[in-house]
Amino acid sequence: MKTILNFQDADLFYEQLLDAHQGLSQPQSELFNARLVLLLANQVGDAKVLQACIEAAKDIPK
């Protein structure tokens, strides 16, 4: 799993993500996020990397 910034343009991606949520209801926004996660996971493909990402995402600062 990559742990250093690997975006070509992180700000552009963030803007695109915010734009994609514009006008969506809460359920539509949650469905969009779920679909996006599955599409990105398919791009990664490696089960061990995906598991490492899941574990890293669960480590939420309190």
N, C-alpha and C. Protein backbone atom coordinates (compact mmCIF):
# COMPACT_ATOMS: atom_id res chain seq x y z
N MET A 1 0.85 -1.17 0.00
CA MET A 1 0.00 0.00 0.00
C MET A 1 0.89 1.23 0.00
N LYS A 2 0.56 2.16 -0.85
CA LYS A 2 1.30 3.42 -0.91
C LYS A 2 0.85 4.31 0.24
N THR A 3 1.80 4.84 0.98
CA THR A 3 1.46 5.70 2.11
C THR A 3 1.94 7.13 1.93
N ILE A 4 2.61 7.40 0.81
CA ILE A 4 3.01 8.77 0.52
C ILE A 4 2.10 9.31 -0.59
N LEU A 5 1.97 10.63 -0.65
CA LEU A 5 1.09 11.25 -1.64
C LEU A 5 1.43 10.76 -3.04
N ASN A 6 0.43 10.26 -3.75
CA ASN A 6 0.64 9.67 -5.07
C ASN A 6 -0.27 10.31 -6.13
N PHE A 7 -0.92 11.42 -5.78
CA PHE A 7 -1.81 12.11 -6.71
C PHE A 7 -1.01 12.93 -7.71
N GLN A 8 -1.47 12.95 -8.94
CA GLN A 8 -0.90 13.89 -9.91
C GLN A 8 -1.38 15.30 -9.59
N ASP A 9 -2.64 15.42 -9.16
CA ASP A 9 -3.20 16.73 -8.80
C ASP A 9 -4.30 16.50 -7.76
N ALA A 10 -3.90 16.45 -6.50
CA ALA A 10 -4.84 16.16 -5.42
C ALA A 10 -5.95 17.19 -5.33
N ASP A 11 -5.61 18.46 -5.54
CA ASP A 11 -6.63 19.51 -5.46
C ASP A 11 -7.70 19.34 -6.54
N LEU A 12 -7.28 18.99 -7.74
CA LEU A 12 -8.23 18.76 -8.83
C LEU A 12 -9.15 17.59 -8.51
N PHE A 13 -8.58 16.50 -7.99
CA PHE A 13 -9.41 15.35 -7.63
C PHE A 13 -10.43 15.74 -6.57
N TYR A 14 -10.01 16.48 -5.56
CA TYR A 14 -10.92 16.90 -4.49
C TYR A 14 -12.05 17.76 -5.06
N GLU A 15 -11.72 18.68 -5.95
CA GLU A 15 -12.74 19.51 -6.60
C GLU A 15 -13.71 18.65 -7.40
N GLN A 16 -13.20 17.69 -8.14
CA GLN A 16 -14.05 16.80 -8.93
C GLN A 16 -14.97 15.99 -8.03
N LEU A 17 -14.44 15.54 -6.90
CA LEU A 17 -15.24 14.76 -5.96
C LEU A 17 -16.36 15.62 -5.37
N LEU A 18 -16.03 16.84 -4.97
CA LEU A 18 -17.06 17.75 -4.45
C LEU A 18 -18.11 18.06 -5.51
N ASP A 19 -17.67 18.32 -6.73
CA ASP A 19 -18.59 18.61 -7.83
C ASP A 19 -19.53 17.43 -8.09
N ALA A 20 -19.01 16.23 -7.99
CA ALA A 20 -19.83 15.04 -8.25
C ALA A 20 -20.95 14.89 -7.23
N HIS A 21 -20.76 15.43 -6.03
CA HIS A 21 -21.77 15.34 -4.97
C HIS A 21 -22.80 16.46 -5.04
N GLN A 22 -22.54 17.48 -5.83
CA GLN A 22 -23.47 18.61 -5.94
C GLN A 22 -24.84 18.13 -6.40
N GLY A 23 -25.87 18.54 -5.68
CA GLY A 23 -27.24 18.23 -6.07
C GLY A 23 -27.72 16.83 -5.69
N LEU A 24 -26.86 16.05 -5.04
CA LEU A 24 -27.27 14.70 -4.64
C LEU A 24 -27.90 14.75 -3.25
N SER A 25 -28.90 13.92 -3.05
CA SER A 25 -29.45 13.75 -1.71
C SER A 25 -28.45 12.93 -0.88
N GLN A 26 -28.66 12.84 0.42
CA GLN A 26 -27.77 12.05 1.27
C GLN A 26 -27.70 10.60 0.80
N PRO A 27 -28.84 9.93 0.53
CA PRO A 27 -28.76 8.54 0.04
C PRO A 27 -28.04 8.44 -1.31
N GLN A 28 -28.27 9.38 -2.20
CA GLN A 28 -27.58 9.36 -3.50
C GLN A 28 -26.08 9.58 -3.32
N SER A 29 -25.71 10.45 -2.40
CA SER A 29 -24.30 10.71 -2.12
C SER A 29 -23.62 9.48 -1.56
N GLU A 30 -24.31 8.79 -0.66
CA GLU A 30 -23.75 7.55 -0.08
C GLU A 30 -23.62 6.46 -1.15
N LEU A 31 -24.60 6.36 -2.03
CA LEU A 31 -24.53 5.38 -3.12
C LEU A 31 -23.39 5.73 -4.07
N PHE A 32 -23.23 7.01 -4.38
CA PHE A 32 -22.12 7.44 -5.22
C PHE A 32 -20.79 7.03 -4.59
N ASN A 33 -20.62 7.31 -3.29
CA ASN A 33 -19.38 6.95 -2.60
C ASN A 33 -19.13 5.45 -2.65
N ALA A 34 -20.16 4.66 -2.43
CA ALA A 34 -20.01 3.20 -2.47
C ALA A 34 -19.60 2.73 -3.86
N ARG A 35 -20.23 3.27 -4.87
CA ARG A 35 -19.89 2.89 -6.25
C ARG A 35 -18.46 3.30 -6.59
N LEU A 36 -18.07 4.50 -6.15
CA LEU A 36 -16.72 4.98 -6.42
C LEU A 36 -15.68 4.10 -5.73
N VAL A 37 -15.94 3.73 -4.49
CA VAL A 37 -15.02 2.84 -3.77
C VAL A 37 -14.85 1.52 -4.52
N LEU A 38 -15.95 0.95 -4.98
CA LEU A 38 -15.87 -0.33 -5.70
C LEU A 38 -15.14 -0.18 -7.04
N LEU A 39 -15.37 0.91 -7.74
CA LEU A 39 -14.67 1.14 -9.00
C LEU A 39 -13.17 1.32 -8.77
N LEU A 40 -12.80 2.08 -7.75
CA LEU A 40 -11.39 2.29 -7.45
C LEU A 40 -10.74 1.00 -6.95
N ALA A 41 -11.46 0.23 -6.14
CA ALA A 41 -10.94 -1.07 -5.68
C ALA A 41 -10.69 -2.00 -6.85
N ASN A 42 -11.55 -1.96 -7.83
CA ASN A 42 -11.36 -2.79 -9.02
C ASN A 42 -10.10 -2.37 -9.77
N GLN A 43 -9.80 -1.08 -9.77
CA GLN A 43 -8.58 -0.60 -10.43
C GLN A 43 -7.35 -1.09 -9.69
N VAL A 44 -7.40 -1.12 -8.35
CA VAL A 44 -6.27 -1.61 -7.56
C VAL A 44 -6.11 -3.11 -7.78
N GLY A 45 -7.20 -3.84 -7.56
CA GLY A 45 -7.24 -5.26 -7.86
C GLY A 45 -6.55 -6.18 -6.87
N ASP A 46 -5.47 -5.78 -6.26
CA ASP A 46 -4.68 -6.63 -5.38
C ASP A 46 -5.36 -6.78 -4.02
N ALA A 47 -5.75 -8.01 -3.66
CA ALA A 47 -6.50 -8.25 -2.43
C ALA A 47 -5.72 -7.84 -1.19
N LYS A 48 -4.42 -8.07 -1.17
CA LYS A 48 -3.62 -7.70 0.00
C LYS A 48 -3.54 -6.18 0.15
N VAL A 49 -3.40 -5.47 -0.95
CA VAL A 49 -3.36 -4.01 -0.90
C VAL A 49 -4.72 -3.47 -0.44
N LEU A 50 -5.79 -4.04 -0.96
CA LEU A 50 -7.12 -3.60 -0.56
C LEU A 50 -7.36 -3.85 0.93
N GLN A 51 -6.91 -4.99 1.44
CA GLN A 51 -7.06 -5.27 2.87
C GLN A 51 -6.26 -4.27 3.70
N ALA A 52 -5.06 -3.95 3.26
CA ALA A 52 -4.24 -2.96 3.97
C ALA A 52 -4.92 -1.59 3.97
N CYS A 53 -5.56 -1.25 2.86
CA CYS A 53 -6.29 0.03 2.77
C CYS A 53 -7.47 0.03 3.71
N ILE A 54 -8.19 -1.08 3.79
CA ILE A 54 -9.33 -1.17 4.72
C ILE A 54 -8.86 -0.98 6.15
N GLU A 55 -7.78 -1.65 6.52
CA GLU A 55 -7.25 -1.52 7.88
C GLU A 55 -6.79 -0.09 8.15
N ALA A 56 -6.13 0.54 7.18
CA ALA A 56 -5.67 1.91 7.36
C ALA A 56 -6.84 2.87 7.51
N ALA A 57 -7.91 2.64 6.76
CA ALA A 57 -9.09 3.50 6.83
C ALA A 57 -9.81 3.37 8.17
N LYS A 58 -9.69 2.21 8.80
CA LYS A 58 -10.33 1.99 10.10
C LYS A 58 -9.60 2.72 11.22
N ASP A 59 -8.37 3.11 10.98
CA ASP A 59 -7.56 3.80 11.99
C ASP A 59 -7.88 5.29 11.97
N ILE A 60 -9.03 5.63 12.54
CA ILE A 60 -9.53 7.00 12.52
C ILE A 60 -9.08 7.71 13.80
N PRO A 61 -8.38 8.84 13.64
CA PRO A 61 -7.95 9.59 14.84
C PRO A 61 -9.16 10.05 15.65
N LYS A 62 -9.00 10.06 16.96
CA LYS A 62 -10.11 10.47 17.83
C LYS A 62 -9.87 11.82 18.40
